[in-house]
Structures are given as structure tokens and as C-alpha cells.
All heavy atoms as atom14 arrays in JSON, in Angstrom:
{
  "sequence": "PPGMPFFVKPLPRLVAGQVEKAFLARNIQS",
  "atom14_mask": [
    [1, 1, 1, 1, 1, 1, 1, 0, 0, 0, 0, 0, 0, 0],
    [1, 1, 1, 1, 1, 1, 1, 0, 0, 0, 0, 0, 0, 0],
    [1, 1, 1, 1, 0, 0, 0, 0, 0, 0, 0, 0, 0, 0],
    [1, 1, 1, 1, 1, 1, 1, 1, 0, 0, 0, 0, 0, 0],
    [1, 1, 1, 1, 1, 1, 1, 0, 0, 0, 0, 0, 0, 0],
    [1, 1, 1, 1, 1, 1, 1, 1, 1, 1, 1, 0, 0, 0],
    [1, 1, 1, 1, 1, 1, 1, 1, 1, 1, 1, 0, 0, 0],
    [1, 1, 1, 1, 1, 1, 1, 0, 0, 0, 0, 0, 0, 0],
    [1, 1, 1, 1, 1, 1, 1, 1, 1, 0, 0, 0, 0, 0],
    [1, 1, 1, 1, 1, 1, 1, 0, 0, 0, 0, 0, 0, 0],
    [1, 1, 1, 1, 1, 1, 1, 1, 0, 0, 0, 0, 0, 0],
    [1, 1, 1, 1, 1, 1, 1, 0, 0, 0, 0, 0, 0, 0],
    [1, 1, 1, 1, 1, 1, 1, 1, 1, 1, 1, 0, 0, 0],
    [1, 1, 1, 1, 1, 1, 1, 1, 0, 0, 0, 0, 0, 0],
    [1, 1, 1, 1, 1, 1, 1, 0, 0, 0, 0, 0, 0, 0],
    [1, 1, 1, 1, 1, 0, 0, 0, 0, 0, 0, 0, 0, 0],
    [1, 1, 1, 1, 0, 0, 0, 0, 0, 0, 0, 0, 0, 0],
    [1, 1, 1, 1, 1, 1, 1, 1, 1, 0, 0, 0, 0, 0],
    [1, 1, 1, 1, 1, 1, 1, 0, 0, 0, 0, 0, 0, 0],
    [1, 1, 1, 1, 1, 1, 1, 1, 1, 0, 0, 0, 0, 0],
    [1, 1, 1, 1, 1, 1, 1, 1, 1, 0, 0, 0, 0, 0],
    [1, 1, 1, 1, 1, 0, 0, 0, 0, 0, 0, 0, 0, 0],
    [1, 1, 1, 1, 1, 1, 1, 1, 1, 1, 1, 0, 0, 0],
    [1, 1, 1, 1, 1, 1, 1, 1, 0, 0, 0, 0, 0, 0],
    [1, 1, 1, 1, 1, 0, 0, 0, 0, 0, 0, 0, 0, 0],
    [1, 1, 1, 1, 1, 1, 1, 1, 1, 1, 1, 0, 0, 0],
    [1, 1, 1, 1, 1, 1, 1, 1, 0, 0, 0, 0, 0, 0],
    [1, 1, 1, 1, 1, 1, 1, 1, 0, 0, 0, 0, 0, 0],
    [1, 1, 1, 1, 1, 1, 1, 1, 1, 0, 0, 0, 0, 0],
    [1, 1, 1, 1, 1, 1, 0, 0, 0, 0, 0, 0, 0, 0]
  ],
  "atom14_positions": [
    [[-1.31, 4.02, 9.86], [-2.48, 4.17, 10.74], [-2.05, 4.49, 12.17], [-1.08, 3.93, 12.68], [-3.17, 2.82, 10.67], [-2.11, 1.86, 10.26], [-1.13, 2.64, 9.43], [0.0, 0.0, 0.0], [0.0, 0.0, 0.0], [0.0, 0.0, 0.0], [0.0, 0.0, 0.0], [0.0, 0.0, 0.0], [0.0, 0.0, 0.0], [0.0, 0.0, 0.0]],
    [[-2.76, 5.41, 12.82], [-2.41, 5.76, 14.2], [-2.75, 4.62, 15.16], [-3.73, 3.91, 14.99], [-3.27, 6.99, 14.48], [-4.4, 6.91, 13.52], [-3.89, 6.18, 12.32], [0.0, 0.0, 0.0], [0.0, 0.0, 0.0], [0.0, 0.0, 0.0], [0.0, 0.0, 0.0], [0.0, 0.0, 0.0], [0.0, 0.0, 0.0], [0.0, 0.0, 0.0]],
    [[-1.9, 4.44, 16.12], [-2.16, 3.46, 17.17], [-1.89, 2.01, 16.78], [-2.22, 1.1, 17.53], [0.0, 0.0, 0.0], [0.0, 0.0, 0.0], [0.0, 0.0, 0.0], [0.0, 0.0, 0.0], [0.0, 0.0, 0.0], [0.0, 0.0, 0.0], [0.0, 0.0, 0.0], [0.0, 0.0, 0.0], [0.0, 0.0, 0.0], [0.0, 0.0, 0.0]],
    [[-1.32, 1.79, 15.62], [-1.04, 0.41, 15.18], [0.23, -0.07, 15.88], [1.22, 0.65, 15.94], [-0.85, 0.36, 13.68], [-0.42, -1.0, 13.24], [-1.2, -1.74, 11.82], [-2.8, -1.17, 11.67], [0.0, 0.0, 0.0], [0.0, 0.0, 0.0], [0.0, 0.0, 0.0], [0.0, 0.0, 0.0], [0.0, 0.0, 0.0], [0.0, 0.0, 0.0]],
    [[0.21, -1.3, 16.42], [1.41, -1.84, 17.06], [2.59, -1.9, 16.08], [2.4, -2.17, 14.9], [0.99, -3.25, 17.48], [-0.49, -3.24, 17.48], [-0.91, -2.21, 16.49], [0.0, 0.0, 0.0], [0.0, 0.0, 0.0], [0.0, 0.0, 0.0], [0.0, 0.0, 0.0], [0.0, 0.0, 0.0], [0.0, 0.0, 0.0], [0.0, 0.0, 0.0]],
    [[3.76, -1.68, 16.57], [4.97, -1.61, 15.76], [5.16, -2.84, 14.88], [5.48, -2.74, 13.7], [6.19, -1.41, 16.67], [7.49, -1.47, 15.94], [7.9, -0.4, 15.16], [8.3, -2.59, 16.02], [9.1, -0.46, 14.47], [9.5, -2.65, 15.34], [9.91, -1.58, 14.56], [0.0, 0.0, 0.0], [0.0, 0.0, 0.0], [0.0, 0.0, 0.0]],
    [[4.96, -4.01, 15.43], [5.25, -5.24, 14.7], [4.24, -5.54, 13.58], [4.47, -6.37, 12.73], [5.35, -6.45, 15.66], [4.11, -6.7, 16.45], [3.1, -7.53, 15.96], [3.93, -6.1, 17.69], [1.97, -7.75, 16.7], [2.79, -6.34, 18.43], [1.79, -7.16, 17.93], [0.0, 0.0, 0.0], [0.0, 0.0, 0.0], [0.0, 0.0, 0.0]],
    [[3.12, -4.84, 13.56], [2.09, -5.05, 12.53], [2.17, -3.98, 11.43], [1.63, -4.16, 10.34], [0.69, -5.05, 13.17], [-0.39, -5.29, 12.15], [0.62, -6.09, 14.27], [0.0, 0.0, 0.0], [0.0, 0.0, 0.0], [0.0, 0.0, 0.0], [0.0, 0.0, 0.0], [0.0, 0.0, 0.0], [0.0, 0.0, 0.0], [0.0, 0.0, 0.0]],
    [[2.89, -2.89, 11.68], [2.93, -1.76, 10.74], [3.36, -2.14, 9.32], [2.86, -1.55, 8.36], [3.83, -0.65, 11.27], [3.15, 0.19, 12.3], [3.94, 1.42, 12.62], [3.14, 2.26, 13.59], [3.67, 3.57, 13.76], [0.0, 0.0, 0.0], [0.0, 0.0, 0.0], [0.0, 0.0, 0.0], [0.0, 0.0, 0.0], [0.0, 0.0, 0.0]],
    [[4.26, -3.08, 9.1], [4.64, -3.41, 7.72], [3.48, -3.95, 6.86], [3.48, -3.78, 5.65], [5.72, -4.47, 7.87], [6.27, -4.27, 9.24], [5.13, -3.76, 10.06], [0.0, 0.0, 0.0], [0.0, 0.0, 0.0], [0.0, 0.0, 0.0], [0.0, 0.0, 0.0], [0.0, 0.0, 0.0], [0.0, 0.0, 0.0], [0.0, 0.0, 0.0]],
    [[2.5, -4.58, 7.49], [1.4, -5.18, 6.71], [0.56, -4.15, 5.96], [0.35, -4.3, 4.75], [0.52, -6.05, 7.62], [1.2, -7.3, 8.16], [0.31, -8.01, 9.14], [1.62, -8.21, 7.04], [0.0, 0.0, 0.0], [0.0, 0.0, 0.0], [0.0, 0.0, 0.0], [0.0, 0.0, 0.0], [0.0, 0.0, 0.0], [0.0, 0.0, 0.0]],
    [[0.05, -3.11, 6.6], [-0.73, -2.13, 5.83], [0.12, -1.4, 4.78], [-0.36, -1.06, 3.71], [-1.27, -1.16, 6.87], [-0.66, -1.51, 8.15], [0.0, -2.84, 8.03], [0.0, 0.0, 0.0], [0.0, 0.0, 0.0], [0.0, 0.0, 0.0], [0.0, 0.0, 0.0], [0.0, 0.0, 0.0], [0.0, 0.0, 0.0], [0.0, 0.0, 0.0]],
    [[1.4, -1.2, 5.09], [2.29, -0.56, 4.1], [2.42, -1.44, 2.86], [2.4, -0.95, 1.73], [3.66, -0.3, 4.7], [3.66, 0.81, 5.69], [5.05, 1.1, 6.2], [4.97, 2.07, 7.29], [5.77, 2.09, 8.32], [6.74, 1.21, 8.44], [5.62, 3.0, 9.26], [0.0, 0.0, 0.0], [0.0, 0.0, 0.0], [0.0, 0.0, 0.0]],
    [[2.55, -2.72, 3.07], [2.67, -3.67, 1.96], [1.41, -3.67, 1.1], [1.46, -3.59, -0.12], [2.95, -5.08, 2.5], [3.08, -6.18, 1.47], [4.33, -5.98, 0.63], [3.12, -7.52, 2.16], [0.0, 0.0, 0.0], [0.0, 0.0, 0.0], [0.0, 0.0, 0.0], [0.0, 0.0, 0.0], [0.0, 0.0, 0.0], [0.0, 0.0, 0.0]],
    [[0.26, -3.75, 1.75], [-1.01, -3.77, 1.04], [-1.22, -2.47, 0.28], [-1.57, -2.47, -0.91], [-2.19, -4.03, 2.01], [-3.51, -3.83, 1.31], [-2.09, -5.43, 2.59], [0.0, 0.0, 0.0], [0.0, 0.0, 0.0], [0.0, 0.0, 0.0], [0.0, 0.0, 0.0], [0.0, 0.0, 0.0], [0.0, 0.0, 0.0], [0.0, 0.0, 0.0]],
    [[-1.0, -1.33, 0.93], [-1.18, -0.03, 0.28], [-0.21, 0.13, -0.89], [-0.58, 0.66, -1.94], [-0.99, 1.1, 1.29], [0.0, 0.0, 0.0], [0.0, 0.0, 0.0], [0.0, 0.0, 0.0], [0.0, 0.0, 0.0], [0.0, 0.0, 0.0], [0.0, 0.0, 0.0], [0.0, 0.0, 0.0], [0.0, 0.0, 0.0], [0.0, 0.0, 0.0]],
    [[1.0, -0.35, -0.74], [1.98, -0.28, -1.82], [1.55, -1.07, -3.05], [1.7, -0.61, -4.18], [0.0, 0.0, 0.0], [0.0, 0.0, 0.0], [0.0, 0.0, 0.0], [0.0, 0.0, 0.0], [0.0, 0.0, 0.0], [0.0, 0.0, 0.0], [0.0, 0.0, 0.0], [0.0, 0.0, 0.0], [0.0, 0.0, 0.0], [0.0, 0.0, 0.0]],
    [[0.97, -2.24, -2.82], [0.49, -3.07, -3.95], [-0.7, -2.42, -4.65], [-0.82, -2.46, -5.87], [0.14, -4.47, -3.47], [1.33, -5.29, -3.01], [2.36, -5.46, -4.1], [2.03, -5.72, -5.25], [3.62, -5.29, -3.75], [0.0, 0.0, 0.0], [0.0, 0.0, 0.0], [0.0, 0.0, 0.0], [0.0, 0.0, 0.0], [0.0, 0.0, 0.0]],
    [[-1.58, -1.82, -3.87], [-2.74, -1.14, -4.45], [-2.27, 0.05, -5.3], [-2.73, 0.24, -6.43], [-3.72, -0.68, -3.34], [-4.78, 0.25, -3.91], [-4.35, -1.88, -2.67], [0.0, 0.0, 0.0], [0.0, 0.0, 0.0], [0.0, 0.0, 0.0], [0.0, 0.0, 0.0], [0.0, 0.0, 0.0], [0.0, 0.0, 0.0], [0.0, 0.0, 0.0]],
    [[-1.36, 0.84, -4.77], [-0.83, 1.99, -5.51], [-0.14, 1.54, -6.79], [-0.31, 2.15, -7.85], [0.16, 2.77, -4.66], [-0.49, 3.65, -3.63], [0.53, 4.41, -2.8], [1.65, 3.89, -2.58], [0.2, 5.53, -2.38], [0.0, 0.0, 0.0], [0.0, 0.0, 0.0], [0.0, 0.0, 0.0], [0.0, 0.0, 0.0], [0.0, 0.0, 0.0]],
    [[0.63, 0.47, -6.71], [1.35, -0.04, -7.87], [0.38, -0.47, -8.98], [0.57, -0.12, -10.14], [2.22, -1.22, -7.45], [3.11, -1.75, -8.53], [3.97, -2.86, -7.97], [4.83, -3.48, -9.05], [5.62, -4.59, -8.53], [0.0, 0.0, 0.0], [0.0, 0.0, 0.0], [0.0, 0.0, 0.0], [0.0, 0.0, 0.0], [0.0, 0.0, 0.0]],
    [[-0.66, -1.18, -8.64], [-1.65, -1.62, -9.62], [-2.39, -0.44, -10.23], [-2.61, -0.37, -11.44], [-2.64, -2.59, -8.98], [0.0, 0.0, 0.0], [0.0, 0.0, 0.0], [0.0, 0.0, 0.0], [0.0, 0.0, 0.0], [0.0, 0.0, 0.0], [0.0, 0.0, 0.0], [0.0, 0.0, 0.0], [0.0, 0.0, 0.0], [0.0, 0.0, 0.0]],
    [[-2.77, 0.52, -9.4], [-3.49, 1.7, -9.87], [-2.61, 2.53, -10.79], [-3.05, 2.98, -11.85], [-3.94, 2.53, -8.67], [-4.74, 3.75, -9.04], [-6.05, 3.63, -9.46], [-4.17, 5.0, -8.97], [-6.79, 4.75, -9.81], [-4.9, 6.13, -9.31], [-6.21, 6.0, -9.73], [0.0, 0.0, 0.0], [0.0, 0.0, 0.0], [0.0, 0.0, 0.0]],
    [[-1.36, 2.73, -10.42], [-0.43, 3.53, -11.2], [-0.18, 2.89, -12.56], [-0.19, 3.57, -13.58], [0.88, 3.71, -10.43], [1.93, 4.61, -11.06], [1.37, 6.02, -11.23], [3.17, 4.64, -10.22], [0.0, 0.0, 0.0], [0.0, 0.0, 0.0], [0.0, 0.0, 0.0], [0.0, 0.0, 0.0], [0.0, 0.0, 0.0], [0.0, 0.0, 0.0]],
    [[0.03, 1.58, -12.59], [0.29, 0.9, -13.86], [-0.88, 1.06, -14.82], [-0.69, 1.3, -16.01], [0.57, -0.58, -13.6], [0.0, 0.0, 0.0], [0.0, 0.0, 0.0], [0.0, 0.0, 0.0], [0.0, 0.0, 0.0], [0.0, 0.0, 0.0], [0.0, 0.0, 0.0], [0.0, 0.0, 0.0], [0.0, 0.0, 0.0], [0.0, 0.0, 0.0]],
    [[-2.09, 0.95, -14.33], [-3.27, 1.09, -15.17], [-3.39, 2.52, -15.69], [-3.72, 2.75, -16.85], [-4.51, 0.7, -14.38], [-5.71, 0.44, -15.21], [-6.84, -0.16, -14.43], [-6.42, -0.43, -13.06], [-7.21, -0.52, -12.02], [-8.49, -0.37, -12.18], [-6.77, -0.76, -10.82], [0.0, 0.0, 0.0], [0.0, 0.0, 0.0], [0.0, 0.0, 0.0]],
    [[-3.12, 3.5, -14.84], [-3.19, 4.9, -15.26], [-2.12, 5.24, -16.29], [-2.39, 5.96, -17.25], [-3.07, 5.84, -14.07], [-4.38, 6.02, -13.35], [-5.43, 5.78, -13.91], [-4.31, 6.45, -12.12], [0.0, 0.0, 0.0], [0.0, 0.0, 0.0], [0.0, 0.0, 0.0], [0.0, 0.0, 0.0], [0.0, 0.0, 0.0], [0.0, 0.0, 0.0]],
    [[-0.92, 4.75, -16.09], [0.15, 5.03, -17.04], [-0.22, 4.49, -18.41], [-0.06, 5.17, -19.42], [1.49, 4.44, -16.54], [2.0, 5.27, -15.37], [2.51, 4.4, -17.66], [3.24, 4.71, -14.7], [0.0, 0.0, 0.0], [0.0, 0.0, 0.0], [0.0, 0.0, 0.0], [0.0, 0.0, 0.0], [0.0, 0.0, 0.0], [0.0, 0.0, 0.0]],
    [[-0.72, 3.28, -18.46], [-1.11, 2.67, -19.73], [-2.16, 3.52, -20.44], [-2.05, 3.78, -21.64], [-1.64, 1.25, -19.49], [-1.98, 0.49, -20.74], [-0.75, 0.09, -21.53], [0.35, 0.0, -21.0], [-0.93, -0.14, -22.8], [0.0, 0.0, 0.0], [0.0, 0.0, 0.0], [0.0, 0.0, 0.0], [0.0, 0.0, 0.0], [0.0, 0.0, 0.0]],
    [[-3.16, 3.98, -19.72], [-4.21, 4.79, -20.35], [-3.67, 6.14, -20.81], [-4.06, 6.65, -21.86], [-5.4, 4.97, -19.41], [-5.06, 5.74, -18.3], [0.0, 0.0, 0.0], [0.0, 0.0, 0.0], [0.0, 0.0, 0.0], [0.0, 0.0, 0.0], [0.0, 0.0, 0.0], [0.0, 0.0, 0.0], [0.0, 0.0, 0.0], [0.0, 0.0, 0.0]]
  ]
}
């Protein structure tokens, strides 16, 4: 995200990574 402070940037990456992982696993199974 633009304008996000440096020390907070890992949090959205972590959340987005978990969402992608769950979505990908479900799609692969189907």
C-alpha cells in the first residue's frame, strides 16, 4: 500500500500472503 510507514509494511504482506495461500489451496484441490 502507498504511504504505509516502513515498520508496519510487513503486516499487510503477511495477511495478503495468508489469504492467497488459502485461496490457492482451495483452487488446486478443485
